[in-house]
PDB file of N, CA and C in Angstrom:
ATOM      1  N   MET A   1     148.712 209.568 186.624  1.00  0.00           N
ATOM      2  CA  MET A   1     149.475 209.187 187.042  1.00  0.00           C
ATOM      3  C   MET A   1     149.964 207.918 186.460  1.00  0.00           C
ATOM      4  N   ALA A   2     151.019 207.145 186.285  1.00  0.00           N
ATOM      5  CA  ALA A   2     151.796 206.258 185.707  1.00  0.00           C
ATOM      6  C   ALA A   2     151.701 205.380 187.195  1.00  0.00           C
ATOM      7  N   ARG A   3     151.010 204.058 186.709  1.00  0.00           N
ATOM      8  CA  ARG A   3     151.209 202.930 187.817  1.00  0.00           C
ATOM      9  C   ARG A   3     152.721 202.243 186.873  1.00  0.00           C
ATOM     10  N   ASN A   4     153.176 201.681 188.043  1.00  0.00           N
ATOM     11  CA  ASN A   4     154.545 200.822 187.735  1.00  0.00           C
ATOM     12  C   ASN A   4     155.298 201.538 186.314  1.00  0.00           C
ATOM     13  N   ALA A   5     156.024 203.047 186.621  1.00  0.00           N
ATOM     14  CA  ALA A   5     156.750 203.359 186.251  1.00  0.00           C
ATOM     15  C   ALA A   5     157.994 202.954 185.580  1.00  0.00           C
ATOM     16  N   ILE A   6     158.600 201.544 186.659  1.00  0.00           N
ATOM     17  CA  ILE A   6     159.524 201.081 186.122  1.00  0.00           C
ATOM     18  C   ILE A   6     158.848 199.550 185.834  1.00  0.00           C
ATOM     19  N   ARG A   7     159.816 199.683 184.919  1.00  0.00           N
ATOM     20  CA  ARG A   7     159.267 198.348 183.765  1.00  0.00           C
ATOM     21  C   ARG A   7     160.435 197.223 184.247  1.00  0.00           C
ATOM     22  N   THR A   8     159.839 196.013 184.841  1.00  0.00           N
ATOM     23  CA  THR A   8     160.818 195.018 184.826  1.00  0.00           C
ATOM     24  C   THR A   8     161.532 194.444 183.680  1.00  0.00           C
ATOM     25  N   PRO A   9     162.614 193.382 184.090  1.00  0.00           N
ATOM     26  CA  PRO A   9     163.381 193.305 183.067  1.00  0.00           C
ATOM     27  C   PRO A   9     162.674 192.127 181.969  1.00  0.00           C
ATOM     28  N   ARG A  10     163.306 192.549 180.944  1.00  0.00           N
ATOM     29  CA  ARG A  10     162.706 190.953 180.174  1.00  0.00           C
ATOM     30  C   ARG A  10     162.928 189.819 180.266  1.00  0.00           C
ATOM     31  N   TYR A  11     164.166 189.632 179.943  1.00  0.00           N
ATOM     32  CA  TYR A  11     165.068 188.297 180.021  1.00  0.00           C
ATOM     33  C   TYR A  11     166.027 188.630 181.334  1.00  0.00           C
ATOM     34  N   ILE A  12     165.650 187.545 182.211  1.00  0.00           N
ATOM     35  CA  ILE A  12     167.166 187.916 183.432  1.00  0.00           C
ATOM     36  C   ILE A  12     167.436 186.198 183.417  1.00  0.00           C
ATOM     37  N   PRO A  13     169.117 186.610 182.907  1.00  0.00           N
ATOM     38  CA  PRO A  13     169.921 184.893 182.454  1.00  0.00           C
ATOM     39  C   PRO A  13     169.949 184.725 183.670  1.00  0.00           C
ATOM     40  N   THR A  14     170.163 183.298 183.520  1.00  0.00           N
ATOM     41  CA  THR A  14     170.407 182.651 184.897  1.00  0.00           C
ATOM     42  C   THR A  14     172.033 182.389 185.369  1.00  0.00           C
ATOM     43  N   PRO A  15     172.296 182.455 186.641  1.00  0.00           N
ATOM     44  CA  PRO A  15     174.008 182.577 187.026  1.00  0.00           C
ATOM     45  C   PRO A  15     174.194 181.104 186.171  1.00  0.00           C
ATOM     46  N   LYS A  16     175.435 181.380 185.431  1.00  0.00           N
ATOM     47  CA  LYS A  16     176.046 180.033 185.186  1.00  0.00           C
ATOM     48  C   LYS A  16     177.134 179.404 186.283  1.00  0.00           C
ATOM     49  N   ILE A  17     176.743 178.233 186.955  1.00  0.00           N
ATOM     50  CA  ILE A  17     177.218 177.898 188.253  1.00  0.00           C
ATOM     51  C   ILE A  17     178.303 176.993 187.990  1.00  0.00           C
ATOM     52  N   ILE A  18     179.692 177.310 188.268  1.00  0.00           N
ATOM     53  CA  ILE A  18     180.788 176.693 187.738  1.00  0.00           C
ATOM     54  C   ILE A  18     181.235 176.073 188.910  1.00  0.00           C
ATOM     55  N   GLY A  19     181.153 175.782 190.020  1.00  0.00           N
ATOM     56  CA  GLY A  19     181.362 175.008 191.057  1.00  0.00           C
ATOM     57  C   GLY A  19     180.996 175.277 192.840  1.00  0.00           C
ATOM     58  N   GLU A  20     181.035 174.490 193.405  1.00  0.00           N
ATOM     59  CA  GLU A  20     180.476 174.986 194.245  1.00  0.00           C
ATOM     60  C   GLU A  20     181.767 174.315 195.670  1.00  0.00           C
ATOM     61  N   GLN A  21     181.742 174.816 196.569  1.00  0.00           N
ATOM     62  CA  GLN A  21     182.879 174.537 198.093  1.00  0.00           C
ATOM     63  C   GLN A  21     182.154 174.700 198.874  1.00  0.00           C
ATOM     64  N   SER A  22     182.317 173.608 199.725  1.00  0.00           N
ATOM     65  CA  SER A  22     181.554 173.849 201.224  1.00  0.00           C
ATOM     66  C   SER A  22     182.868 174.496 202.050  1.00  0.00           C
ATOM     67  N   ASP A  23     182.362 174.624 203.347  1.00  0.00           N
ATOM     68  CA  ASP A  23     183.151 175.458 203.973  1.00  0.00           C
ATOM     69  C   ASP A  23     183.106 174.745 205.212  1.00  0.00           C
ATOM     70  N   LEU A  24     184.861 174.808 205.413  1.00  0.00           N
ATOM     71  CA  LEU A  24     185.138 173.609 206.649  1.00  0.00           C
ATOM     72  C   LEU A  24     184.594 173.289 207.986  1.00  0.00           C
ATOM     73  N   PHE A  25     184.260 175.025 208.370  1.00  0.00           N
ATOM     74  CA  PHE A  25     184.181 175.017 209.648  1.00  0.00           C
ATOM     75  C   PHE A  25     182.146 175.083 209.837  1.00  0.00           C
ATOM     76  N   GLY A  26     181.803 173.979 208.723  1.00  0.00           N
ATOM     77  CA  GLY A  26     180.630 173.576 208.726  1.00  0.00           C
ATOM     78  C   GLY A  26     179.765 175.525 208.154  1.00  0.00           C
ATOM     79  N   GLY A  27     180.071 176.212 207.571  1.00  0.00           N
ATOM     80  CA  GLY A  27     179.361 177.277 207.373  1.00  0.00           C
ATOM     81  C   GLY A  27     178.616 176.835 205.999  1.00  0.00           C
ATOM     82  N   PRO A  28     178.112 178.020 205.541  1.00  0.00           N
ATOM     83  CA  PRO A  28     177.340 177.860 204.234  1.00  0.00           C
ATOM     84  C   PRO A  28     178.083 177.121 203.226  1.00  0.00           C
ATOM     85  N   THR A  29     177.509 176.753 202.026  1.00  0.00           N
ATOM     86  CA  THR A  29     178.276 175.987 200.828  1.00  0.00           C
ATOM     87  C   THR A  29     178.640 177.566 199.644  1.00  0.00           C
ATOM     88  N   ILE A  30     179.534 177.898 199.356  1.00  0.00           N
ATOM     89  CA  ILE A  30     179.495 178.985 198.590  1.00  0.00           C
ATOM     90  C   ILE A  30     179.658 178.202 197.385  1.00  0.00           C
ATOM     91  N   THR A  31     178.892 179.092 196.647  1.00  0.00           N
ATOM     92  CA  THR A  31     178.421 178.365 195.015  1.00  0.00           C
ATOM     93  C   THR A  31     179.683 179.968 194.205  1.00  0.00           C
ATOM     94  N   HIS A  32     180.306 179.541 192.920  1.00  0.00           N
ATOM     95  CA  HIS A  32     180.800 180.198 192.235  1.00  0.00           C
ATOM     96  C   HIS A  32     180.072 180.260 190.884  1.00  0.00           C
ATOM     97  N   GLU A  33     179.918 181.557 190.169  1.00  0.00           N
ATOM     98  CA  GLU A  33     179.099 181.842 189.348  1.00  0.00           C
ATOM     99  C   GLU A  33     180.076 182.943 188.396  1.00  0.00           C
ATOM    100  N   ALA A  34     180.282 182.238 186.958  1.00  0.00           N
ATOM    101  CA  ALA A  34     181.070 183.094 185.794  1.00  0.00           C
ATOM    102  C   ALA A  34     180.372 184.040 185.216  1.00  0.00           C
ATOM    103  N   ALA A  35     181.141 184.714 185.188  1.00  0.00           N
ATOM    104  CA  ALA A  35     180.307 186.589 184.603  1.00  0.00           C
ATOM    105  C   ALA A  35     179.877 186.361 183.422  1.00  0.00           C
ATOM    106  N   ARG A  36     178.530 186.780 182.682  1.00  0.00           N
ATOM    107  CA  ARG A  36     178.409 186.108 181.682  1.00  0.00           C
ATOM    108  C   ARG A  36     178.198 187.966 180.708  1.00  0.00           C
ATOM    109  N   ALA A  37     179.079 187.882 179.935  1.00  0.00           N
ATOM    110  CA  ALA A  37     179.034 189.128 178.826  1.00  0.00           C
ATOM    111  C   ALA A  37     177.800 189.433 177.905  1.00  0.00           C
ATOM    112  N   PRO A  38     177.493 190.734 178.474  1.00  0.00           N
ATOM    113  CA  PRO A  38     176.047 190.971 177.213  1.00  0.00           C
ATOM    114  C   PRO A  38     176.382 191.213 176.202  1.00  0.00           C
ATOM    115  N   LEU A  39     175.196 191.081 175.512  1.00  0.00           N
ATOM    116  CA  LEU A  39     175.892 190.540 173.848  1.00  0.00           C
ATOM    117  C   LEU A  39     175.942 192.005 172.706  1.00  0.00           C
ATOM    118  N   ARG A  40     176.885 192.118 172.296  1.00  0.00           N
ATOM    119  CA  ARG A  40     177.434 193.138 171.376  1.00  0.00           C
ATOM    120  C   ARG A  40     176.414 193.879 170.402  1.00  0.00           C
ATOM    121  N   LYS A  41     176.620 195.341 170.179  1.00  0.00           N
ATOM    122  CA  LYS A  41     175.533 195.693 169.434  1.00  0.00           C
ATOM    123  C   LYS A  41     175.437 195.346 167.828  1.00  0.00           C
ATOM    124  N   GLY A  42     174.987 194.969 167.465  1.00  0.00           N
ATOM    125  CA  GLY A  42     174.966 194.340 166.011  1.00  0.00           C
ATOM    126  C   GLY A  42     175.142 192.802 165.617  1.00  0.00           C
ATOM    127  N   TRP A  43     174.944 192.180 167.131  1.00  0.00           N
ATOM    128  CA  TRP A  43     174.669 191.067 167.053  1.00  0.00           C
ATOM    129  C   TRP A  43     173.707 189.894 166.092  1.00  0.00           C
ATOM    130  N   GLN A  44     173.029 190.730 165.829  1.00  0.00           N
ATOM    131  CA  GLN A  44     171.505 190.180 164.702  1.00  0.00           C
ATOM    132  C   GLN A  44     171.913 190.316 163.018  1.00  0.00           C
ATOM    133  N   GLN A  45     173.217 191.083 162.904  1.00  0.00           N
ATOM    134  CA  GLN A  45     173.470 191.467 161.713  1.00  0.00           C
ATOM    135  C   GLN A  45     175.008 190.246 161.943  1.00  0.00           C
ATOM    136  N   GLN A  46     175.790 190.056 162.609  1.00  0.00           N
ATOM    137  CA  GLN A  46     176.488 188.726 162.864  1.00  0.00           C
ATOM    138  C   GLN A  46     175.680 186.980 162.612  1.00  0.00           C
ATOM    139  N   LEU A  47     174.925 187.032 163.022  1.00  0.00           N
ATOM    140  CA  LEU A  47     173.923 185.835 162.998  1.00  0.00           C
ATOM    141  C   LEU A  47     173.344 185.811 161.506  1.00  0.00           C
ATOM    142  N   ARG A  48     172.690 187.104 160.991  1.00  0.00           N
ATOM    143  CA  ARG A  48     172.138 186.573 159.957  1.00  0.00           C
ATOM    144  C   ARG A  48     173.496 186.489 158.947  1.00  0.00           C
ATOM    145  N   ALA A  49     174.413 187.002 159.002  1.00  0.00           N
ATOM    146  CA  ALA A  49     175.510 186.706 157.677  1.00  0.00           C
ATOM    147  C   ALA A  49     175.906 185.358 158.215  1.00  0.00           C
ATOM    148  N   TRP A  50     176.013 184.449 159.272  1.00  0.00           N
ATOM    149  CA  TRP A  50     176.415 183.433 159.921  1.00  0.00           C
ATOM    150  C   TRP A  50     175.346 182.453 158.723  1.00  0.00           C
ATOM    151  N   ALA A  51     174.477 183.022 159.238  1.00  0.00           N
ATOM    152  CA  ALA A  51     173.096 181.840 158.716  1.00  0.00           C
ATOM    153  C   ALA A  51     172.930 181.292 157.200  1.00  0.00           C
ATOM    154  N   CYS A  52     173.426 183.061 156.800  1.00  0.00           N
ATOM    155  CA  CYS A  52     173.555 183.002 155.100  1.00  0.00           C
ATOM    156  C   CYS A  52     174.658 182.541 154.431  1.00  0.00           C
ATOM    157  N   SER A  53     175.614 182.234 155.074  1.00  0.00           N
ATOM    158  CA  SER A  53     176.778 182.192 153.809  1.00  0.00           C
ATOM    159  C   SER A  53     177.442 180.725 154.528  1.00  0.00           C
ATOM    160  N   ASP A  54     177.442 180.029 153.364  1.00  0.00           N
ATOM    161  CA  ASP A  54     177.250 178.321 152.781  1.00  0.00           C
ATOM    162  C   ASP A  54     178.744 177.978 153.589  1.00  0.00           C
ATOM    163  N   THR A  55     180.285 178.641 153.178  1.00  0.00           N
ATOM    164  CA  THR A  55     181.164 178.953 153.889  1.00  0.00           C
ATOM    165  C   THR A  55     181.509 179.751 154.686  1.00  0.00           C
ATOM    166  N   LEU A  56     182.780 179.305 155.622  1.00  0.00           N
ATOM    167  CA  LEU A  56     183.506 180.774 156.032  1.00  0.00           C
ATOM    168  C   LEU A  56     184.020 181.647 155.436  1.00  0.00           C
ATOM    169  N   ALA A  57     184.487 181.115 154.377  1.00  0.00           N
ATOM    170  CA  ALA A  57     185.180 182.252 153.263  1.00  0.00           C
ATOM    171  C   ALA A  57     184.281 183.061 152.709  1.00  0.00           C
ATOM    172  N   ASP A  58     182.532 182.578 152.938  1.00  0.00           N
ATOM    173  CA  ASP A  58     181.473 183.330 152.516  1.00  0.00           C
ATOM    174  C   ASP A  58     181.357 184.566 153.437  1.00  0.00           C
ATOM    175  N   ARG A  59     181.348 184.770 154.360  1.00  0.00           N
ATOM    176  CA  ARG A  59     181.688 185.719 155.367  1.00  0.00           C
ATOM    177  C   ARG A  59     182.500 186.872 155.617  1.00  0.00           C
ATOM    178  N   ASP A  60     182.279 188.354 155.674  1.00  0.00           N
ATOM    179  CA  ASP A  60     183.086 189.208 155.421  1.00  0.00           C
ATOM    180  C   ASP A  60     182.699 189.836 156.572  1.00  0.00           C
ATOM    181  N   ASP A  61     184.279 189.960 157.873  1.00  0.00           N
ATOM    182  CA  ASP A  61     184.177 190.108 159.065  1.00  0.00           C
ATOM    183  C   ASP A  61     184.900 191.618 159.242  1.00  0.00           C
TER     184      ASP A  61
END
């Protein structure tokens, strides 16, 4: 029998706080977060192409 069959995530991004709003009637402060888009497939190839190119014209998108 396997212990801890559900693996914990390796990376949990921190929320990007874009503002806070205090309640007018003494309630808790509301925190607003911006949604983060997940990384697209092939991001390593795009990063490698960007790092190897000298000018933007060298990149083939």
